Amino acid sequence: MEVRFATIRLLLNVLLLLVTVADDSQTHNSGFPQVVPNRQQFFQSEGVTISCERLNGLTGWRVMKKINGGVRPCASNWETSIGPCKIINAYPSTDSGEYWCEHGGIQKSNSVNITVTDLESHVILEIPVQPVMEGENVTLHCRKKDANSNYTAKFYKNGVSTGSSSSGNIMIPTVSKSDEGLYKCSIADAGESPESWLSVEGHPTVHYVERYLGLCIGLGVLLVVILLILAGLIQCNKHQQTIRSHSEETSLKTSAKNSTASSQSPSSAQTDDDMLSSRAIYTTVRPDETKLKGRRKRAD
């Protein structure tokens, strides 16, 4: 019985583990906040909106942010923190940081980084907030504050120059994982932008295949565990049947011996009674025969 309870407990633990893994892979870090406009860098006093609505088909998301190590809702107070977070005038010390979405204190999205420059900075790099898909064409724009005309911009990846453009734009065709890195740009007589990370994500089918393989492996492990449990239960039942059969056989043998002993006891008692009766008869007959012999002698 203890073995059966242990195997059932093990099965429940495995099922709980699989559910936890599936839940984590699908909801814990799924999706990204939507940032409008879609870029990581902003000039001071620009407006930006971070939204999580309809993420994973759910509503009621709360936008959270981490600024200088402190975590708090993006909105000014907790009661109004559900829904999009609208920043009217972005400021470096209060709005530069990491942003993500939370739902019910359980589900959490991936995070994005937003950088707000100070008043002395006049150049930003417009780079996508969310990861770009492999195979897509990505355009980076080096933007000068309060400038409407074209200007020449130089672009850098991980501190190494990748080229220049007189239009202020550079296109990365058919991006791949090798294009990931820290990008920045510079404009003569204006300065350079902060660095931001360009993230490249694999094709969705790859993720689906990985998830499918993970699910198959999990189901395979679960099937093996179930088979082991069934084998253990069968073996346990066989062992119990063997013990039960042995007990019944022993009980039958004991009953048979008791029956034999009971049937033999009356015969023995009867034999003893017959012997006593014979002795009594013998004792009774002997005195008469003695008297008869004495009479014969006197007659002679």
C-alpha atoms as a PDB file:
ATOM      1  CA  MET A   1       0.000   0.000   0.000  1.00  0.00           C
ATOM      2  CA  GLU A   2       2.845   2.398   0.843  1.00  0.00           C
ATOM      3  CA  VAL A   3       4.491   1.674  -2.519  1.00  0.00           C
ATOM      4  CA  ARG A   4       1.252   2.460  -4.321  1.00  0.00           C
ATOM      5  CA  PHE A   5       0.865   5.802  -2.544  1.00  0.00           C
ATOM      6  CA  ALA A   6       4.498   6.663  -3.316  1.00  0.00           C
ATOM      7  CA  THR A   7       4.074   5.960  -7.035  1.00  0.00           C
ATOM      8  CA  ILE A   8       0.870   7.986  -7.202  1.00  0.00           C
ATOM      9  CA  ARG A   9       2.611  10.870  -5.434  1.00  0.00           C
ATOM     10  CA  LEU A  10       5.470  10.663  -7.938  1.00  0.00           C
ATOM     11  CA  LEU A  11       3.034  10.785 -10.860  1.00  0.00           C
ATOM     12  CA  LEU A  12       1.328  13.858  -9.442  1.00  0.00           C
ATOM     13  CA  ASN A  13       4.683  15.586  -8.980  1.00  0.00           C
ATOM     14  CA  VAL A  14       5.649  14.866 -12.599  1.00  0.00           C
ATOM     15  CA  LEU A  15       2.307  16.202 -13.863  1.00  0.00           C
ATOM     16  CA  LEU A  16       2.728  19.339 -11.751  1.00  0.00           C
ATOM     17  CA  LEU A  17       6.238  19.820 -13.116  1.00  0.00           C
ATOM     18  CA  LEU A  18       5.059  19.514 -16.723  1.00  0.00           C
ATOM     19  CA  VAL A  19       2.207  21.971 -16.136  1.00  0.00           C
ATOM     20  CA  THR A  20       4.625  24.434 -14.525  1.00  0.00           C
ATOM     21  CA  VAL A  21       7.096  24.178 -17.390  1.00  0.00           C
ATOM     22  CA  ALA A  22       4.336  24.580 -19.995  1.00  0.00           C
ATOM     23  CA  ASP A  23       2.903  27.558 -18.120  1.00  0.00           C
ATOM     24  CA  ASP A  24       6.326  29.207 -17.835  1.00  0.00           C
ATOM     25  CA  SER A  25       7.133  28.670 -21.508  1.00  0.00           C
ATOM     26  CA  GLN A  26       3.819  30.132 -22.667  1.00  0.00           C
ATOM     27  CA  THR A  27       2.950  32.915 -20.236  1.00  0.00           C
ATOM     28  CA  HIS A  28       5.690  33.817 -17.780  1.00  0.00           C
ATOM     29  CA  ASN A  29       7.942  35.585 -20.284  1.00  0.00           C
ATOM     30  CA  SER A  30       5.784  35.895 -23.370  1.00  0.00           C
ATOM     31  CA  GLY A  31       5.365  38.959 -25.547  1.00  0.00           C
ATOM     32  CA  PHE A  32       6.709  42.467 -25.274  1.00  0.00           C
ATOM     33  CA  PRO A  33       5.199  45.812 -24.318  1.00  0.00           C
ATOM     34  CA  GLN A  34       4.165  48.010 -27.212  1.00  0.00           C
ATOM     35  CA  VAL A  35       6.058  51.300 -27.337  1.00  0.00           C
ATOM     36  CA  VAL A  36       4.777  54.214 -29.411  1.00  0.00           C
ATOM     37  CA  PRO A  37       6.725  55.512 -31.228  1.00  0.00           C
ATOM     38  CA  ASN A  38       8.586  52.267 -31.840  1.00  0.00           C
ATOM     39  CA  ARG A  39      12.103  53.202 -30.746  1.00  0.00           C
ATOM     40  CA  GLN A  40      14.328  52.887 -27.722  1.00  0.00           C
ATOM     41  CA  GLN A  41      15.753  56.414 -27.540  1.00  0.00           C
ATOM     42  CA  PHE A  42      13.939  59.690 -26.902  1.00  0.00           C
ATOM     43  CA  PHE A  43      14.874  63.289 -26.442  1.00  0.00           C
ATOM     44  CA  GLN A  44      13.990  64.932 -23.180  1.00  0.00           C
ATOM     45  CA  SER A  45      10.399  66.259 -23.062  1.00  0.00           C
ATOM     46  CA  GLU A  46       9.232  63.946 -25.854  1.00  0.00           C
ATOM     47  CA  GLY A  47       6.096  61.865 -25.326  1.00  0.00           C
ATOM     48  CA  VAL A  48       6.007  58.067 -25.236  1.00  0.00           C
ATOM     49  CA  THR A  49       3.291  55.485 -24.575  1.00  0.00           C
ATOM     50  CA  ILE A  50       3.894  51.948 -23.240  1.00  0.00           C
ATOM     51  CA  SER A  51       0.979  49.567 -23.587  1.00  0.00           C
ATOM     52  CA  CYS A  52       0.339  45.891 -22.849  1.00  0.00           C
ATOM     53  CA  GLU A  53      -3.327  45.626 -23.837  1.00  0.00           C
ATOM     54  CA  ARG A  54      -4.382  42.456 -25.662  1.00  0.00           C
ATOM     55  CA  LEU A  55      -1.023  40.868 -24.858  1.00  0.00           C
ATOM     56  CA  ASN A  56      -1.688  37.100 -24.982  1.00  0.00           C
ATOM     57  CA  GLY A  57      -5.332  38.009 -25.605  1.00  0.00           C
ATOM     58  CA  LEU A  58      -5.726  39.405 -22.079  1.00  0.00           C
ATOM     59  CA  THR A  59      -6.711  42.791 -20.686  1.00  0.00           C
ATOM     60  CA  GLY A  60      -5.917  44.356 -17.352  1.00  0.00           C
ATOM     61  CA  TRP A  61      -2.144  44.396 -17.713  1.00  0.00           C
ATOM     62  CA  ARG A  62      -0.112  46.690 -15.487  1.00  0.00           C
ATOM     63  CA  VAL A  63       2.993  48.408 -16.906  1.00  0.00           C
ATOM     64  CA  MET A  64       5.934  48.204 -14.498  1.00  0.00           C
ATOM     65  CA  LYS A  65       9.284  49.961 -14.670  1.00  0.00           C
ATOM     66  CA  LYS A  66      12.678  49.708 -13.036  1.00  0.00           C
ATOM     67  CA  ILE A  67      14.485  53.011 -12.700  1.00  0.00           C
ATOM     68  CA  ASN A  68      17.846  53.223 -10.902  1.00  0.00           C
ATOM     69  CA  GLY A  69      17.198  49.873  -9.191  1.00  0.00           C
ATOM     70  CA  GLY A  70      13.726  50.793  -7.926  1.00  0.00           C
ATOM     71  CA  VAL A  71      10.619  48.915  -9.185  1.00  0.00           C
ATOM     72  CA  ARG A  72       7.240  50.657  -9.334  1.00  0.00           C
ATOM     73  CA  PRO A  73       4.203  50.994 -11.618  1.00  0.00           C
ATOM     74  CA  CYS A  74       4.689  53.194 -14.638  1.00  0.00           C
ATOM     75  CA  ALA A  75       1.604  55.210 -13.671  1.00  0.00           C
ATOM     76  CA  SER A  76       1.755  57.777 -10.907  1.00  0.00           C
ATOM     77  CA  ASN A  77      -0.291  55.638  -8.486  1.00  0.00           C
ATOM     78  CA  TRP A  78      -1.257  51.987  -8.080  1.00  0.00           C
ATOM     79  CA  GLU A  79      -5.009  52.476  -8.473  1.00  0.00           C
ATOM     80  CA  THR A  80      -4.683  53.908 -11.997  1.00  0.00           C
ATOM     81  CA  SER A  81      -1.734  51.744 -13.069  1.00  0.00           C
ATOM     82  CA  ILE A  82      -3.782  49.240 -15.096  1.00  0.00           C
ATOM     83  CA  GLY A  83      -3.785  50.033 -18.802  1.00  0.00           C
ATOM     84  CA  PRO A  84      -1.416  52.002 -21.058  1.00  0.00           C
ATOM     85  CA  CYS A  85       1.217  54.211 -19.484  1.00  0.00           C
ATOM     86  CA  LYS A  86       1.386  57.612 -21.154  1.00  0.00           C
ATOM     87  CA  ILE A  87       4.466  59.725 -20.512  1.00  0.00           C
ATOM     88  CA  ILE A  88       3.788  63.277 -21.662  1.00  0.00           C
ATOM     89  CA  ASN A  89       7.223  64.773 -21.024  1.00  0.00           C
ATOM     90  CA  ALA A  90       9.947  62.153 -20.716  1.00  0.00           C
ATOM     91  CA  TYR A  91      12.750  62.919 -18.304  1.00  0.00           C
ATOM     92  CA  PRO A  92      16.086  61.052 -17.992  1.00  0.00           C
ATOM     93  CA  SER A  93      16.133  60.443 -14.241  1.00  0.00           C
ATOM     94  CA  THR A  94      12.496  59.311 -13.970  1.00  0.00           C
ATOM     95  CA  ASP A  95      11.817  57.590 -17.297  1.00  0.00           C
ATOM     96  CA  SER A  96      15.064  55.999 -18.510  1.00  0.00           C
ATOM     97  CA  GLY A  97      15.004  52.316 -17.588  1.00  0.00           C
ATOM     98  CA  GLU A  98      13.444  48.889 -18.060  1.00  0.00           C
ATOM     99  CA  TYR A  99       9.728  48.381 -18.748  1.00  0.00           C
ATOM    100  CA  TRP A 100       7.584  45.227 -18.712  1.00  0.00           C
ATOM    101  CA  CYS A 101       3.984  44.068 -18.206  1.00  0.00           C
ATOM    102  CA  GLU A 102       2.440  42.135 -15.311  1.00  0.00           C
ATOM    103  CA  HIS A 103      -0.964  40.494 -15.051  1.00  0.00           C
ATOM    104  CA  GLY A 104      -2.428  39.402 -11.737  1.00  0.00           C
ATOM    105  CA  GLY A 105       0.992  39.241 -10.137  1.00  0.00           C
ATOM    106  CA  ILE A 106       1.633  35.928 -11.951  1.00  0.00           C
ATOM    107  CA  GLN A 107       2.193  36.508 -15.650  1.00  0.00           C
ATOM    108  CA  LYS A 108       5.084  38.662 -16.757  1.00  0.00           C
ATOM    109  CA  SER A 109       6.140  39.783 -20.223  1.00  0.00           C
ATOM    110  CA  ASN A 110       9.606  40.299 -21.595  1.00  0.00           C
ATOM    111  CA  SER A 111      11.124  43.685 -20.889  1.00  0.00           C
ATOM    112  CA  VAL A 112      12.198  46.571 -23.122  1.00  0.00           C
ATOM    113  CA  ASN A 113      14.664  49.369 -22.449  1.00  0.00           C
ATOM    114  CA  ILE A 114      13.963  53.060 -22.981  1.00  0.00           C
ATOM    115  CA  THR A 115      16.652  55.755 -22.890  1.00  0.00           C
ATOM    116  CA  VAL A 116      15.839  59.443 -22.483  1.00  0.00           C
ATOM    117  CA  THR A 117      18.683  61.843 -23.263  1.00  0.00           C
ATOM    118  CA  ASP A 118      19.383  65.028 -21.370  1.00  0.00           C
ATOM    119  CA  LEU A 119      19.204  68.569 -22.739  1.00  0.00           C
ATOM    120  CA  GLU A 120      22.868  68.573 -23.727  1.00  0.00           C
ATOM    121  CA  SER A 121      22.411  65.597 -26.056  1.00  0.00           C
ATOM    122  CA  HIS A 122      21.357  66.446 -29.604  1.00  0.00           C
ATOM    123  CA  VAL A 123      21.560  63.036 -31.297  1.00  0.00           C
ATOM    124  CA  ILE A 124      19.562  59.829 -30.833  1.00  0.00           C
ATOM    125  CA  LEU A 125      19.485  56.545 -32.747  1.00  0.00           C
ATOM    126  CA  GLU A 126      16.057  55.339 -33.776  1.00  0.00           C
ATOM    127  CA  ILE A 127      16.303  51.564 -33.281  1.00  0.00           C
ATOM    128  CA  PRO A 128      13.390  49.096 -32.840  1.00  0.00           C
ATOM    129  CA  VAL A 129      12.254  48.367 -29.300  1.00  0.00           C
ATOM    130  CA  GLN A 130      11.224  44.770 -29.873  1.00  0.00           C
ATOM    131  CA  PRO A 131      13.363  42.037 -31.424  1.00  0.00           C
ATOM    132  CA  VAL A 132      13.328  41.929 -35.212  1.00  0.00           C
ATOM    133  CA  MET A 133      12.754  38.668 -37.057  1.00  0.00           C
ATOM    134  CA  GLU A 134      15.544  36.913 -38.905  1.00  0.00           C
ATOM    135  CA  GLY A 135      15.378  37.609 -42.631  1.00  0.00           C
ATOM    136  CA  GLU A 136      13.781  41.051 -42.296  1.00  0.00           C
ATOM    137  CA  ASN A 137      15.303  44.330 -43.484  1.00  0.00           C
ATOM    138  CA  VAL A 138      15.953  46.768 -40.634  1.00  0.00           C
ATOM    139  CA  THR A 139      16.536  50.493 -41.029  1.00  0.00           C
ATOM    140  CA  LEU A 140      18.366  52.516 -38.380  1.00  0.00           C
ATOM    141  CA  HIS A 141      17.932  56.281 -38.369  1.00  0.00           C
ATOM    142  CA  CYS A 142      20.371  58.715 -36.797  1.00  0.00           C
ATOM    143  CA  ARG A 143      18.273  61.693 -35.739  1.00  0.00           C
ATOM    144  CA  LYS A 144      19.511  65.185 -34.928  1.00  0.00           C
ATOM    145  CA  LYS A 145      17.489  67.333 -32.577  1.00  0.00           C
ATOM    146  CA  ASP A 146      15.580  70.191 -34.232  1.00  0.00           C
ATOM    147  CA  ALA A 147      17.048  69.392 -37.670  1.00  0.00           C
ATOM    148  CA  ASN A 148      14.948  69.072 -40.816  1.00  0.00           C
ATOM    149  CA  SER A 149      17.658  68.885 -43.466  1.00  0.00           C
ATOM    150  CA  ASN A 150      19.768  65.891 -44.382  1.00  0.00           C
ATOM    151  CA  TYR A 151      23.101  65.327 -42.678  1.00  0.00           C
ATOM    152  CA  THR A 152      25.819  62.740 -42.772  1.00  0.00           C
ATOM    153  CA  ALA A 153      25.777  60.221 -39.958  1.00  0.00           C
ATOM    154  CA  LYS A 154      28.247  57.537 -38.994  1.00  0.00           C
ATOM    155  CA  PHE A 155      27.072  54.245 -37.514  1.00  0.00           C
ATOM    156  CA  TYR A 156      28.834  51.916 -35.085  1.00  0.00           C
ATOM    157  CA  LYS A 157      28.268  48.379 -33.886  1.00  0.00           C
ATOM    158  CA  ASN A 158      29.973  47.334 -30.641  1.00  0.00           C
ATOM    159  CA  GLY A 159      32.254  50.352 -30.985  1.00  0.00           C
ATOM    160  CA  VAL A 160      33.351  49.502 -34.546  1.00  0.00           C
ATOM    161  CA  SER A 161      32.342  51.666 -37.495  1.00  0.00           C
ATOM    162  CA  THR A 162      29.896  50.024 -39.890  1.00  0.00           C
ATOM    163  CA  GLY A 163      29.692  52.876 -42.424  1.00  0.00           C
ATOM    164  CA  SER A 164      28.175  56.304 -42.966  1.00  0.00           C
ATOM    165  CA  SER A 165      25.145  57.717 -44.723  1.00  0.00           C
ATOM    166  CA  SER A 166      24.375  61.184 -46.089  1.00  0.00           C
ATOM    167  CA  SER A 167      20.675  60.624 -45.477  1.00  0.00           C
ATOM    168  CA  GLY A 168      21.106  59.686 -41.825  1.00  0.00           C
ATOM    169  CA  ASN A 169      19.767  56.168 -42.458  1.00  0.00           C
ATOM    170  CA  ILE A 170      21.410  52.785 -42.746  1.00  0.00           C
ATOM    171  CA  MET A 171      19.683  49.577 -43.724  1.00  0.00           C
ATOM    172  CA  ILE A 172      20.662  46.096 -42.515  1.00  0.00           C
ATOM    173  CA  PRO A 173      19.329  43.663 -45.136  1.00  0.00           C
ATOM    174  CA  THR A 174      18.186  40.195 -44.178  1.00  0.00           C
ATOM    175  CA  VAL A 175      19.222  40.440 -40.554  1.00  0.00           C
ATOM    176  CA  SER A 176      20.533  37.398 -38.697  1.00  0.00           C
ATOM    177  CA  LYS A 177      21.774  36.611 -35.213  1.00  0.00           C
ATOM    178  CA  SER A 178      25.206  37.891 -36.201  1.00  0.00           C
ATOM    179  CA  ASP A 179      23.724  41.401 -36.532  1.00  0.00           C
ATOM    180  CA  GLU A 180      22.832  41.572 -32.837  1.00  0.00           C
ATOM    181  CA  GLY A 181      24.827  44.075 -30.820  1.00  0.00           C
ATOM    182  CA  LEU A 182      25.110  47.576 -29.408  1.00  0.00           C
ATOM    183  CA  TYR A 183      24.526  50.271 -32.021  1.00  0.00           C
ATOM    184  CA  LYS A 184      25.082  54.019 -31.923  1.00  0.00           C
ATOM    185  CA  CYS A 185      25.555  56.861 -34.371  1.00  0.00           C
ATOM    186  CA  SER A 186      27.279  60.227 -34.531  1.00  0.00           C
ATOM    187  CA  ILE A 187      26.774  63.470 -36.419  1.00  0.00           C
ATOM    188  CA  ALA A 188      29.546  65.988 -36.976  1.00  0.00           C
ATOM    189  CA  ASP A 189      29.226  69.109 -34.807  1.00  0.00           C
ATOM    190  CA  ALA A 190      26.230  67.547 -32.990  1.00  0.00           C
ATOM    191  CA  GLY A 191      27.664  64.644 -31.021  1.00  0.00           C
ATOM    192  CA  GLU A 192      26.776  60.975 -30.762  1.00  0.00           C
ATOM    193  CA  SER A 193      23.790  59.010 -29.583  1.00  0.00           C
ATOM    194  CA  PRO A 194      23.567  56.606 -26.634  1.00  0.00           C
ATOM    195  CA  GLU A 195      24.104  52.913 -27.357  1.00  0.00           C
ATOM    196  CA  SER A 196      21.111  50.568 -27.697  1.00  0.00           C
ATOM    197  CA  TRP A 197      20.884  46.847 -28.239  1.00  0.00           C
ATOM    198  CA  LEU A 198      19.466  45.429 -31.466  1.00  0.00           C
ATOM    199  CA  SER A 199      17.886  42.047 -30.752  1.00  0.00           C
ATOM    200  CA  VAL A 200      17.263  39.474 -33.497  1.00  0.00           C
ATOM    201  CA  GLU A 201      14.750  36.700 -32.976  1.00  0.00           C
ATOM    202  CA  GLY A 202      14.544  33.385 -34.792  1.00  0.00           C
ATOM    203  CA  HIS A 203      11.693  32.530 -37.099  1.00  0.00           C
ATOM    204  CA  PRO A 204       8.451  31.646 -35.267  1.00  0.00           C
ATOM    205  CA  THR A 205       8.419  28.161 -36.773  1.00  0.00           C
ATOM    206  CA  VAL A 206      11.683  27.454 -34.971  1.00  0.00           C
ATOM    207  CA  HIS A 207      10.081  28.336 -31.660  1.00  0.00           C
ATOM    208  CA  TYR A 208       7.049  26.221 -32.481  1.00  0.00           C
ATOM    209  CA  VAL A 209       9.285  23.263 -33.311  1.00  0.00           C
ATOM    210  CA  GLU A 210      11.261  23.746 -30.101  1.00  0.00           C
ATOM    211  CA  ARG A 211       8.062  23.958 -28.078  1.00  0.00           C
ATOM    212  CA  TYR A 212       6.674  20.889 -29.848  1.00  0.00           C
ATOM    213  CA  LEU A 213       9.849  18.941 -29.179  1.00  0.00           C
ATOM    214  CA  GLY A 214       9.808  20.021 -25.541  1.00  0.00           C
ATOM    215  CA  LEU A 215       6.191  18.905 -25.237  1.00  0.00           C
ATOM    216  CA  CYS A 216       6.978  15.551 -26.867  1.00  0.00           C
ATOM    217  CA  ILE A 217       9.900  15.001 -24.508  1.00  0.00           C
ATOM    218  CA  GLY A 218       7.723  15.868 -21.535  1.00  0.00           C
ATOM    219  CA  LEU A 219       4.985  13.490 -22.670  1.00  0.00           C
ATOM    220  CA  GLY A 220       7.580  10.785 -23.288  1.00  0.00           C
ATOM    221  CA  VAL A 221       8.921  11.165 -19.763  1.00  0.00           C
ATOM    222  CA  LEU A 222       5.386  11.075 -18.407  1.00  0.00           C
ATOM    223  CA  LEU A 223       4.621   7.907 -20.401  1.00  0.00           C
ATOM    224  CA  VAL A 224       7.754   6.195 -19.076  1.00  0.00           C
ATOM    225  CA  VAL A 225       6.818   7.144 -15.528  1.00  0.00           C
ATOM    226  CA  ILE A 226       3.276   5.807 -16.010  1.00  0.00           C
ATOM    227  CA  LEU A 227       4.625   2.525 -17.409  1.00  0.00           C
ATOM    228  CA  LEU A 228       7.018   2.182 -14.490  1.00  0.00           C
ATOM    229  CA  ILE A 229       4.195   2.859 -12.061  1.00  0.00           C
ATOM    230  CA  LEU A 230       1.958   0.278 -13.759  1.00  0.00           C
ATOM    231  CA  ALA A 231       4.767  -2.271 -13.750  1.00  0.00           C
ATOM    232  CA  GLY A 232       5.351  -1.613 -10.065  1.00  0.00           C
ATOM    233  CA  LEU A 233       1.660  -1.971  -9.256  1.00  0.00           C
ATOM    234  CA  ILE A 234       1.423  -5.223 -11.238  1.00  0.00           C
ATOM    235  CA  GLN A 235       4.493  -6.603  -9.504  1.00  0.00           C
ATOM    236  CA  CYS A 236       3.112  -5.534  -6.145  1.00  0.00           C
ATOM    237  CA  ASN A 237      -0.231  -7.233  -6.861  1.00  0.00           C
ATOM    238  CA  LYS A 238       1.546 -10.434  -7.931  1.00  0.00           C
ATOM    239  CA  HIS A 239       3.575 -10.409  -4.738  1.00  0.00           C
ATOM    240  CA  GLN A 240       0.458  -9.898  -2.644  1.00  0.00           C
ATOM    241  CA  GLN A 241      -1.326 -12.724  -4.485  1.00  0.00           C
ATOM    242  CA  THR A 242       1.632 -15.025  -3.866  1.00  0.00           C
ATOM    243  CA  ILE A 243       1.600 -14.204  -0.171  1.00  0.00           C
ATOM    244  CA  ARG A 244      -2.166 -14.691  -0.044  1.00  0.00           C
ATOM    245  CA  SER A 245      -1.970 -18.046  -1.830  1.00  0.00           C
ATOM    246  CA  HIS A 246       0.796 -19.217   0.478  1.00  0.00           C
ATOM    247  CA  SER A 247      -1.236 -18.172   3.503  1.00  0.00           C
ATOM    248  CA  GLU A 248      -4.328 -19.982   2.219  1.00  0.00           C
ATOM    249  CA  GLU A 249      -2.295 -23.133   1.478  1.00  0.00           C
ATOM    250  CA  THR A 250      -0.770 -23.084   4.947  1.00  0.00           C
ATOM    251  CA  SER A 251      -4.197 -22.598   6.489  1.00  0.00           C
ATOM    252  CA  LEU A 252      -5.620 -25.538   4.524  1.00  0.00           C
ATOM    253  CA  LYS A 253      -2.777 -27.815   5.608  1.00  0.00           C
ATOM    254  CA  THR A 254      -3.265 -26.847   9.242  1.00  0.00           C
ATOM    255  CA  SER A 255      -6.992 -27.500   9.005  1.00  0.00           C
ATOM    256  CA  ALA A 256      -6.372 -30.910   7.435  1.00  0.00           C
ATOM    257  CA  LYS A 257      -3.996 -31.917  10.223  1.00  0.00           C
ATOM    258  CA  ASN A 258      -6.459 -30.847  12.869  1.00  0.00           C
ATOM    259  CA  SER A 259      -9.231 -32.837  11.179  1.00  0.00           C
ATOM    260  CA  THR A 260      -7.064 -35.993  11.051  1.00  0.00           C
ATOM    261  CA  ALA A 261      -6.136 -35.685  14.706  1.00  0.00           C
ATOM    262  CA  SER A 262      -9.775 -35.254  15.684  1.00  0.00           C
ATOM    263  CA  SER A 263     -10.891 -38.337  13.723  1.00  0.00           C
ATOM    264  CA  GLN A 264      -8.219 -40.568  15.290  1.00  0.00           C
ATOM    265  CA  SER A 265      -8.905 -39.680  18.950  1.00  0.00           C
ATOM    266  CA  PRO A 266     -12.269 -41.623  19.406  1.00  0.00           C
ATOM    267  CA  SER A 267     -10.761 -44.875  18.010  1.00  0.00           C
ATOM    268  CA  SER A 268      -7.958 -44.746  20.521  1.00  0.00           C
ATOM    269  CA  ALA A 269     -10.375 -44.119  23.343  1.00  0.00           C
ATOM    270  CA  GLN A 270     -12.510 -47.081  22.180  1.00  0.00           C
ATOM    271  CA  THR A 271      -9.464 -49.377  22.020  1.00  0.00           C
ATOM    272  CA  ASP A 272      -8.566 -48.488  25.606  1.00  0.00           C
ATOM    273  CA  ASP A 273     -12.121 -49.252  26.746  1.00  0.00           C
ATOM    274  CA  ASP A 274     -12.013 -52.692  25.004  1.00  0.00           C
ATOM    275  CA  MET A 275      -8.762 -53.551  26.719  1.00  0.00           C
ATOM    276  CA  LEU A 276     -10.189 -52.648  30.119  1.00  0.00           C
ATOM    277  CA  SER A 277     -13.279 -54.743  29.435  1.00  0.00           C
ATOM    278  CA  SER A 278     -11.156 -57.763  28.434  1.00  0.00           C
ATOM    279  CA  ARG A 279      -9.127 -57.471  31.595  1.00  0.00           C
ATOM    280  CA  ALA A 280     -12.315 -57.341  33.678  1.00  0.00           C
ATOM    281  CA  ILE A 281     -13.690 -60.453  32.007  1.00  0.00           C
ATOM    282  CA  TYR A 282     -10.399 -62.271  32.492  1.00  0.00           C
ATOM    283  CA  THR A 283     -10.383 -61.341  36.156  1.00  0.00           C
ATOM    284  CA  THR A 284     -13.961 -62.524  36.583  1.00  0.00           C
ATOM    285  CA  VAL A 285     -13.400 -65.905  34.939  1.00  0.00           C
ATOM    286  CA  ARG A 286     -10.216 -66.865  36.818  1.00  0.00           C
ATOM    287  CA  PRO A 287     -11.725 -67.360  40.351  1.00  0.00           C
ATOM    288  CA  ASP A 288     -14.399 -69.749  39.036  1.00  0.00           C
ATOM    289  CA  GLU A 289     -11.845 -71.883  37.318  1.00  0.00           C
ATOM    290  CA  THR A 290      -9.821 -72.182  40.577  1.00  0.00           C
ATOM    291  CA  LYS A 291     -12.841 -73.339  42.560  1.00  0.00           C
ATOM    292  CA  LEU A 292     -13.622 -75.930  39.879  1.00  0.00           C
ATOM    293  CA  LYS A 293     -10.135 -77.416  40.059  1.00  0.00           C
ATOM    294  CA  GLY A 294     -10.370 -77.710  43.892  1.00  0.00           C
ATOM    295  CA  ARG A 295     -13.600 -79.645  43.706  1.00  0.00           C
ATOM    296  CA  ARG A 296     -12.110 -82.101  41.214  1.00  0.00           C
ATOM    297  CA  LYS A 297      -9.225 -82.851  43.554  1.00  0.00           C
ATOM    298  CA  ARG A 298     -11.493 -83.637  46.531  1.00  0.00           C
ATOM    299  CA  ALA A 299     -13.581 -85.886  44.366  1.00  0.00           C
ATOM    300  CA  ASP A 300     -10.552 -87.894  43.455  1.00  0.00           C
END
